[in-house]
Amino acid sequence: MPEEMFERVKKHLPPAERKKFEQRHRELNELCAQIELQKEQKLSEILDTETLMRFAYIPFVVAQLAWDYADTIIDIATLLRLHPTKKLCRAIRELKRRYDNVRNEYTNYAHRSSEIDNMYVFEDGVSDLFSLYLKNIEFDLKIEYPDLDKEYRGYLLAIYQCHIVLQSIYRYAEMQKAKIEKIVGHTIGDVLPTELRRLDILVMSFVGDKPVSPKFASQQKTYAQCLANRMTLVELNDTDKPKECSTVAEISTT
């Protein structure tokens, strides 16, 4: 309650009620001050190292994989001379440049190198799930487009592989965000840069008129959730883990 309103209300209260009202007002002010202080605290000051790593390091390890797959899409599109995709290729390169600029504010060379090294650890750890996903999506594409040549089918597989990785990152980030909010007691911001969220829109634009079947599109949600669940369990290379998650070292809990 604003102080001016508090004073106006207090004047009309009996003495006994006035004291209770003043006490309650002081308690509310102290509570509000405490909440504001908590919001101003940095996540790195609240969370233990393991929780912080799960929240602010692992998503960017897997993001390295997504950007690698995006590069593969560009390479294949260039090899197949798919001229209509030129603008999309340029857009992804520009998005990656902006993504790197954003992350460079919080990370150094050693930190980014550790993300790349652990990207391979993660990829190895989920190779069985990737293999199953790719086999099933290729089977779906063969049924939907029986006349599609092998090269173009490989191009579509690269697109959907990147897509499923991005979807798993988004799901994982939401899962971790909910966990952190329970710890800090209020909502927090999005750990993922907008550039990473925009990547999936560009990636799926490469599909054109060759989407997967509606049935498989629905199944992709299950694959994305399975990958997100794997992200919560993945054990990274200890020698390549950063000493601190620089991404949120200077980010408050607001």
Protein backbone atom coordinates (compact mmCIF):
# COMPACT_ATOMS: atom_id res chain seq x y z
CA MET A 1 0.00 0.00 0.00
CA PRO A 2 1.39 3.46 -0.87
CA GLU A 3 2.39 5.53 2.18
CA GLU A 4 -0.08 8.31 1.38
CA MET A 5 -3.00 5.89 1.28
CA PHE A 6 -1.73 4.17 4.43
CA GLU A 7 -1.79 7.47 6.36
CA ARG A 8 -5.32 8.28 5.13
CA VAL A 9 -6.70 4.89 6.15
CA LYS A 10 -4.91 4.91 9.53
CA LYS A 11 -6.58 8.18 10.58
CA HIS A 12 -10.04 6.60 10.48
CA LEU A 13 -9.16 3.55 12.59
CA PRO A 14 -9.71 3.17 16.34
CA PRO A 15 -6.46 3.32 18.38
CA ALA A 16 -6.34 -0.45 19.00
CA GLU A 17 -6.96 -1.29 15.33
CA ARG A 18 -4.52 1.41 14.26
CA LYS A 19 -1.61 -0.32 16.04
CA LYS A 20 -2.44 -3.66 14.39
CA PHE A 21 -2.74 -1.91 11.05
CA GLU A 22 0.66 -0.22 11.48
CA GLN A 23 2.31 -3.52 12.46
CA ARG A 24 0.84 -5.31 9.47
CA HIS A 25 1.95 -2.48 7.19
CA ARG A 26 5.52 -2.73 8.50
CA GLU A 27 5.52 -6.52 7.99
CA LEU A 28 4.30 -6.14 4.41
CA ASN A 29 6.95 -3.52 3.67
CA GLU A 30 9.66 -5.81 5.05
CA LEU A 31 8.32 -8.73 3.00
CA CYS A 32 8.30 -6.63 -0.18
CA ALA A 33 11.86 -5.48 0.49
CA GLN A 34 12.95 -9.08 1.01
CA ILE A 35 11.32 -10.18 -2.26
CA GLU A 36 12.98 -7.36 -4.19
CA LEU A 37 16.34 -8.30 -2.69
CA GLN A 38 15.87 -11.92 -3.76
CA LYS A 39 15.02 -10.82 -7.28
CA GLU A 40 18.19 -8.78 -7.48
CA GLN A 41 20.37 -11.70 -6.46
CA LYS A 42 22.29 -13.43 -9.23
CA LEU A 43 21.47 -17.05 -9.91
CA SER A 44 25.14 -17.85 -9.46
CA GLU A 45 24.81 -16.65 -5.84
CA ILE A 46 21.80 -18.85 -5.11
CA LEU A 47 22.22 -22.12 -6.99
CA ASP A 48 24.69 -24.90 -6.29
CA THR A 49 27.25 -25.68 -9.00
CA GLU A 50 25.48 -28.78 -10.32
CA THR A 51 22.07 -27.08 -10.61
CA LEU A 52 23.64 -24.06 -12.25
CA MET A 53 25.45 -26.24 -14.76
CA ARG A 54 22.27 -28.15 -15.62
CA PHE A 55 20.41 -24.89 -16.12
CA ALA A 56 22.93 -22.63 -17.83
CA TYR A 57 25.63 -24.82 -19.37
CA ILE A 58 24.08 -27.98 -20.83
CA PRO A 59 21.56 -26.16 -23.10
CA PHE A 60 24.46 -24.40 -24.80
CA VAL A 61 26.40 -27.64 -25.18
CA VAL A 62 23.47 -29.11 -27.11
CA ALA A 63 23.01 -25.80 -28.96
CA GLN A 64 26.48 -26.34 -30.46
CA LEU A 65 25.08 -29.53 -31.95
CA ALA A 66 22.06 -27.70 -33.37
CA TRP A 67 24.28 -25.09 -35.05
CA ASP A 68 26.45 -27.87 -36.48
CA TYR A 69 23.38 -29.51 -37.97
CA ALA A 70 22.26 -26.14 -39.34
CA ASP A 71 25.65 -25.84 -41.10
CA THR A 72 25.08 -29.30 -42.57
CA ILE A 73 21.73 -28.17 -43.98
CA ILE A 74 23.43 -25.19 -45.64
CA ASP A 75 26.18 -27.42 -47.07
CA ILE A 76 23.71 -29.90 -48.54
CA ALA A 77 21.47 -27.16 -49.94
CA THR A 78 24.51 -25.64 -51.65
CA LEU A 79 25.66 -29.03 -52.96
CA LEU A 80 22.21 -29.76 -54.39
CA ARG A 81 22.08 -26.25 -55.90
CA LEU A 82 18.79 -25.44 -54.21
CA HIS A 83 18.78 -21.79 -55.26
CA PRO A 84 15.48 -20.89 -53.50
CA THR A 85 17.25 -21.58 -50.17
CA LYS A 86 20.00 -18.99 -50.67
CA LYS A 87 18.25 -16.34 -48.58
CA LEU A 88 17.58 -18.86 -45.83
CA CYS A 89 21.25 -19.87 -45.80
CA ARG A 90 22.32 -16.25 -45.45
CA ALA A 91 19.73 -15.70 -42.72
CA ILE A 92 21.09 -18.61 -40.67
CA ARG A 93 24.67 -17.40 -41.04
CA GLU A 94 23.61 -13.94 -39.86
CA LEU A 95 21.64 -15.44 -36.96
CA LYS A 96 24.70 -17.46 -35.92
CA ARG A 97 26.85 -14.31 -36.02
CA ARG A 98 24.38 -12.52 -33.73
CA TYR A 99 24.17 -15.55 -31.44
CA ASP A 100 27.96 -15.63 -31.09
CA ASN A 101 28.03 -11.90 -30.34
CA VAL A 102 25.47 -12.32 -27.56
CA ARG A 103 27.33 -15.24 -26.01
CA ASN A 104 30.72 -13.58 -26.30
CA GLU A 105 29.59 -11.13 -23.63
CA TYR A 106 29.46 -13.95 -21.08
CA THR A 107 31.94 -16.59 -22.28
CA ASN A 108 35.58 -16.89 -23.24
CA TYR A 109 37.47 -19.18 -25.61
CA ALA A 110 38.01 -21.89 -22.99
CA HIS A 111 34.33 -21.93 -22.06
CA ARG A 112 33.21 -22.24 -25.69
CA SER A 113 35.81 -24.95 -26.32
CA SER A 114 34.42 -26.92 -23.39
CA GLU A 115 30.93 -26.67 -24.90
CA ILE A 116 32.18 -28.06 -28.20
CA ASP A 117 34.08 -30.90 -26.53
CA ASN A 118 31.07 -31.86 -24.45
CA MET A 119 28.84 -31.58 -27.52
CA TYR A 120 30.53 -34.74 -28.80
CA VAL A 121 30.08 -36.43 -25.42
CA PHE A 122 26.36 -35.67 -25.56
CA GLU A 123 26.03 -36.77 -29.19
CA ASP A 124 27.64 -40.11 -28.36
CA GLY A 125 25.35 -40.50 -25.38
CA VAL A 126 22.17 -40.12 -27.43
CA SER A 127 23.36 -41.87 -30.61
CA ASP A 128 20.91 -44.73 -30.06
CA LEU A 129 17.97 -42.35 -29.88
CA PHE A 130 19.20 -40.39 -32.91
CA SER A 131 19.60 -43.61 -34.89
CA LEU A 132 16.04 -44.71 -34.10
CA TYR A 133 14.65 -41.27 -34.92
CA LEU A 134 16.46 -41.00 -38.25
CA LYS A 135 15.47 -44.50 -39.33
CA ASN A 136 11.82 -43.83 -38.57
CA ILE A 137 11.77 -40.43 -40.23
CA GLU A 138 13.46 -41.82 -43.34
CA PHE A 139 10.84 -44.58 -43.46
CA ASP A 140 8.11 -41.94 -43.15
CA LEU A 141 9.60 -39.83 -45.96
CA LYS A 142 9.88 -42.87 -48.25
CA ILE A 143 6.18 -43.57 -47.77
CA GLU A 144 5.14 -39.93 -48.21
CA TYR A 145 7.43 -39.28 -51.20
CA PRO A 146 8.33 -42.61 -52.86
CA ASP A 147 9.91 -40.88 -55.88
CA LEU A 148 12.25 -38.71 -53.81
CA ASP A 149 15.93 -39.34 -54.60
CA LYS A 150 18.40 -40.35 -51.90
CA GLU A 151 20.26 -37.01 -51.89
CA TYR A 152 17.13 -34.92 -51.30
CA ARG A 153 15.93 -37.37 -48.67
CA GLY A 154 19.27 -36.91 -46.87
CA TYR A 155 18.73 -33.17 -47.05
CA LEU A 156 15.34 -33.50 -45.35
CA LEU A 157 16.80 -35.82 -42.71
CA ALA A 158 19.39 -33.15 -41.84
CA ILE A 159 16.61 -30.57 -41.44
CA TYR A 160 14.52 -32.71 -39.14
CA GLN A 161 17.53 -33.80 -37.12
CA CYS A 162 18.34 -30.14 -36.41
CA HIS A 163 14.68 -29.47 -35.67
CA ILE A 164 14.37 -32.24 -33.10
CA VAL A 165 17.53 -31.11 -31.30
CA LEU A 166 16.21 -27.55 -31.08
CA GLN A 167 12.84 -28.73 -29.82
CA SER A 168 14.56 -30.80 -27.13
CA ILE A 169 16.60 -27.76 -26.03
CA TYR A 170 13.43 -25.67 -25.72
CA ARG A 171 11.71 -28.38 -23.67
CA TYR A 172 14.75 -28.88 -21.46
CA ALA A 173 15.05 -25.14 -20.82
CA GLU A 174 11.41 -24.99 -19.72
CA MET A 175 11.90 -27.97 -17.41
CA GLN A 176 14.96 -26.39 -15.81
CA LYS A 177 13.29 -22.99 -15.60
CA ALA A 178 10.39 -24.46 -13.63
CA LYS A 179 12.87 -26.17 -11.29
CA ILE A 180 14.81 -22.96 -10.66
CA GLU A 181 11.63 -20.94 -10.08
CA LYS A 182 10.69 -23.34 -7.28
CA ILE A 183 14.08 -22.70 -5.70
CA VAL A 184 14.04 -18.88 -5.94
CA GLY A 185 10.30 -18.52 -5.31
CA HIS A 186 9.40 -16.37 -8.32
CA THR A 187 9.57 -16.31 -12.12
CA ILE A 188 12.90 -15.88 -13.90
CA GLY A 189 13.93 -14.86 -17.39
CA ASP A 190 14.63 -17.11 -20.36
CA VAL A 191 18.18 -18.49 -20.37
CA LEU A 192 18.09 -19.10 -24.13
CA PRO A 193 18.96 -16.20 -26.46
CA THR A 194 16.19 -15.27 -28.90
CA GLU A 195 18.58 -16.13 -31.74
CA LEU A 196 18.52 -19.78 -30.70
CA ARG A 197 14.73 -19.81 -30.57
CA ARG A 198 14.49 -18.21 -34.00
CA LEU A 199 16.78 -20.82 -35.54
CA ASP A 200 14.05 -23.46 -35.63
CA ILE A 201 11.78 -21.18 -37.67
CA LEU A 202 14.48 -20.78 -40.32
CA VAL A 203 15.43 -24.45 -40.26
CA MET A 204 11.87 -25.63 -40.84
CA SER A 205 11.51 -23.17 -43.72
CA PHE A 206 13.95 -25.37 -45.66
CA VAL A 207 11.39 -28.20 -45.72
CA GLY A 208 9.29 -26.50 -48.39
CA ASP A 209 6.60 -28.77 -49.78
CA LYS A 210 8.02 -31.99 -48.34
CA PRO A 211 6.82 -32.16 -44.71
CA VAL A 212 6.66 -35.41 -42.79
CA SER A 213 3.30 -37.10 -42.29
CA PRO A 214 0.95 -35.67 -39.64
CA LYS A 215 1.39 -38.91 -37.68
CA PHE A 216 5.16 -38.58 -37.52
CA ALA A 217 4.91 -34.85 -36.79
CA SER A 218 2.99 -35.82 -33.67
CA GLN A 219 5.54 -38.50 -32.77
CA GLN A 220 8.30 -35.91 -32.91
CA LYS A 221 7.02 -34.44 -29.66
CA THR A 222 7.80 -37.73 -27.95
CA TYR A 223 11.30 -37.83 -29.44
CA ALA A 224 11.93 -34.25 -28.34
CA GLN A 225 10.82 -35.06 -24.80
CA CYS A 226 13.02 -38.17 -24.72
CA LEU A 227 16.02 -36.10 -25.79
CA ALA A 228 15.20 -33.46 -23.18
CA ASN A 229 15.04 -36.19 -20.53
CA ARG A 230 18.44 -37.47 -21.66
CA MET A 231 19.81 -33.95 -21.23
CA THR A 232 18.88 -34.08 -17.54
CA LEU A 233 20.90 -37.28 -17.12
CA VAL A 234 23.91 -36.72 -19.37
CA GLU A 235 27.31 -36.92 -17.70
CA LEU A 236 29.80 -34.56 -19.27
CA ASN A 237 33.56 -34.81 -19.51
CA ASP A 238 34.80 -33.49 -16.15
CA THR A 239 38.00 -32.09 -17.62
CA ASP A 240 35.97 -30.04 -20.09
CA LYS A 241 33.39 -28.63 -17.67
CA PRO A 242 33.79 -24.91 -17.03
CA LYS A 243 34.65 -23.83 -13.50
CA GLU A 244 31.54 -21.66 -13.52
CA CYS A 245 28.62 -21.15 -15.84
CA SER A 246 29.55 -17.75 -17.18
CA THR A 247 26.29 -17.41 -19.05
CA VAL A 248 24.42 -16.57 -15.85
CA ALA A 249 27.27 -15.36 -13.70
CA GLU A 250 26.01 -11.79 -14.12
CA ILE A 251 22.30 -12.48 -14.67
CA SER A 252 19.87 -11.70 -11.87
CA THR A 253 16.87 -13.86 -11.06
CA THR A 254 14.42 -11.38 -12.59
